[in-house]
């Protein structure tokens, strides 16, 4: 019996493109949607409108320490990540110099790249096996 869940991981799911993708992926017949954003109340509100079971992860992906929480969830549950939507972001007004805004943008970009690698982890043994032959 296969107990591996087919999931979609959606960052930035509390509004904008992330929320819209969650609504679209709700129609795909997945086991779960993993909704990730900083604003829990918005994630809860969105999840209440969806038919698919949702796992709410209240994370600020610009904070590298919070990525550990996501990595633990992936390692513990070992889902099959069918869809990954990296829609997390933030906006700023003014110039972007090597100050706080620059580093926040830098960490957001790194988090998105790291999330792609994390979600591919279950496929890594297969990739290595193919490369060996």
Protein backbone atom coordinates (compact mmCIF):
# COMPACT_ATOMS: atom_id res chain seq x y z
CA UNK A 1 0.00 0.00 0.00
CA UNK A 2 1.39 3.40 -0.99
CA UNK A 3 1.03 6.00 1.78
CA UNK A 4 3.05 8.70 0.03
CA UNK A 5 1.00 11.87 -0.33
CA UNK A 6 0.92 13.82 -3.57
CA UNK A 7 1.25 17.46 -2.55
CA UNK A 8 1.62 20.92 -4.00
CA UNK A 9 3.88 23.31 -2.10
CA UNK A 10 2.84 26.92 -2.62
CA UNK A 11 4.91 29.75 -1.18
CA UNK A 12 3.39 33.20 -0.93
CA UNK A 13 -0.02 31.53 -0.68
CA UNK A 14 -1.58 34.24 1.48
CA UNK A 15 -2.29 36.57 -1.47
CA UNK A 16 -1.67 37.33 -5.12
CA UNK A 17 -0.35 34.65 -7.45
CA UNK A 18 0.25 32.18 -4.62
CA UNK A 19 -3.40 32.30 -3.53
CA UNK A 20 -4.60 32.02 -7.13
CA UNK A 21 -2.39 28.99 -7.79
CA UNK A 22 -3.75 27.37 -4.61
CA UNK A 23 -7.28 27.78 -6.00
CA UNK A 24 -6.23 26.27 -9.33
CA UNK A 25 -4.36 23.36 -7.75
CA UNK A 26 -7.36 22.66 -5.52
CA UNK A 27 -8.96 21.16 -8.64
CA UNK A 28 -6.08 18.76 -9.39
CA UNK A 29 -7.05 15.93 -7.04
CA UNK A 30 -3.95 16.16 -4.85
CA UNK A 31 -3.80 14.72 -1.35
CA UNK A 32 -2.67 18.00 0.23
CA UNK A 33 -1.78 21.59 -0.49
CA UNK A 34 1.06 22.98 1.61
CA UNK A 35 0.29 26.68 1.97
CA UNK A 36 3.30 28.73 3.04
CA UNK A 37 3.38 32.43 3.93
CA UNK A 38 3.93 34.78 6.87
CA UNK A 39 0.29 35.67 7.53
CA UNK A 40 -1.44 32.71 9.20
CA UNK A 41 -4.90 34.29 9.29
CA UNK A 42 -4.88 34.68 5.51
CA UNK A 43 -3.68 31.11 5.02
CA UNK A 44 -6.43 29.85 7.33
CA UNK A 45 -9.02 31.86 5.41
CA UNK A 46 -7.82 30.49 2.07
CA UNK A 47 -7.68 26.89 3.36
CA UNK A 48 -11.30 27.16 4.55
CA UNK A 49 -12.37 27.90 0.96
CA UNK A 50 -10.53 24.93 -0.58
CA UNK A 51 -11.70 21.32 -0.88
CA UNK A 52 -8.23 19.80 -0.72
CA UNK A 53 -6.75 19.16 2.71
CA UNK A 54 -4.26 21.93 3.53
CA UNK A 55 -1.18 22.00 5.68
CA UNK A 56 -0.54 25.55 6.89
CA UNK A 57 3.10 26.51 7.36
CA UNK A 58 3.49 30.03 8.72
CA UNK A 59 7.02 30.83 7.60
CA UNK A 60 8.98 33.88 6.52
CA UNK A 61 11.18 32.38 3.83
CA UNK A 62 13.56 35.35 3.97
CA UNK A 63 14.59 33.99 7.39
CA UNK A 64 16.97 31.10 6.73
CA UNK A 65 16.34 29.63 10.17
CA UNK A 66 12.67 29.12 9.26
CA UNK A 67 13.67 26.98 6.28
CA UNK A 68 14.75 24.34 8.80
CA UNK A 69 11.09 23.92 9.77
CA UNK A 70 10.13 23.24 6.19
CA UNK A 71 13.03 20.85 5.74
CA UNK A 72 11.92 18.91 8.85
CA UNK A 73 8.36 18.67 7.49
CA UNK A 74 9.61 17.36 4.14
CA UNK A 75 11.99 14.89 5.79
CA UNK A 76 9.37 13.68 8.24
CA UNK A 77 6.45 13.30 5.86
CA UNK A 78 8.38 12.45 2.69
CA UNK A 79 5.63 13.62 0.33
CA UNK A 80 5.75 13.39 -3.44
CA UNK A 81 5.96 17.05 -4.47
CA UNK A 82 3.84 17.09 -7.59
CA UNK A 83 3.78 20.89 -7.91
CA UNK A 84 6.06 23.58 -6.50
CA UNK A 85 4.89 27.18 -6.81
CA UNK A 86 7.47 29.72 -5.66
CA UNK A 87 5.30 32.84 -5.38
CA UNK A 88 6.76 34.28 -2.17
CA UNK A 89 8.11 37.77 -2.42
CA UNK A 90 7.96 41.26 -1.07
CA UNK A 91 8.00 44.78 -2.38
CA UNK A 92 9.88 47.89 -1.46
CA UNK A 93 9.83 51.53 -2.44
CA UNK A 94 13.07 53.38 -3.09
CA UNK A 95 16.54 52.34 -4.10
CA UNK A 96 17.85 48.88 -3.37
CA UNK A 97 21.35 49.23 -2.03
CA UNK A 98 23.42 46.86 0.03
CA UNK A 99 21.32 47.60 3.08
CA UNK A 100 18.56 45.68 4.81
CA UNK A 101 16.30 45.57 1.73
CA UNK A 102 19.10 44.17 -0.44
CA UNK A 103 19.80 41.35 2.03
CA UNK A 104 16.10 40.55 2.46
CA UNK A 105 15.80 40.19 -1.33
CA UNK A 106 18.97 38.11 -1.42
CA UNK A 107 17.65 35.71 1.24
CA UNK A 108 14.24 35.46 -0.46
CA UNK A 109 15.94 34.43 -3.71
CA UNK A 110 18.18 31.91 -1.95
CA UNK A 111 15.17 30.47 -0.14
CA UNK A 112 13.35 29.90 -3.41
CA UNK A 113 16.34 28.08 -4.88
CA UNK A 114 16.79 26.04 -1.70
CA UNK A 115 13.12 25.06 -1.72
CA UNK A 116 13.49 23.66 -5.23
CA UNK A 117 16.36 21.46 -4.06
CA UNK A 118 14.47 20.35 -0.95
CA UNK A 119 11.42 19.36 -2.93
CA UNK A 120 13.56 17.28 -5.28
CA UNK A 121 15.18 15.31 -2.44
CA UNK A 122 12.85 12.27 -2.76
CA UNK A 123 13.83 11.99 -6.43
CA UNK A 124 17.57 12.16 -5.76
CA UNK A 125 18.18 8.36 -5.49
CA UNK A 126 16.45 7.81 -8.83
CA UNK A 127 18.50 10.59 -10.43
CA UNK A 128 21.71 9.08 -9.09
CA UNK A 129 20.72 5.62 -10.31
CA UNK A 130 20.05 6.92 -13.82
CA UNK A 131 23.37 8.79 -13.87
CA UNK A 132 25.28 5.64 -12.94
CA UNK A 133 23.97 3.70 -15.96
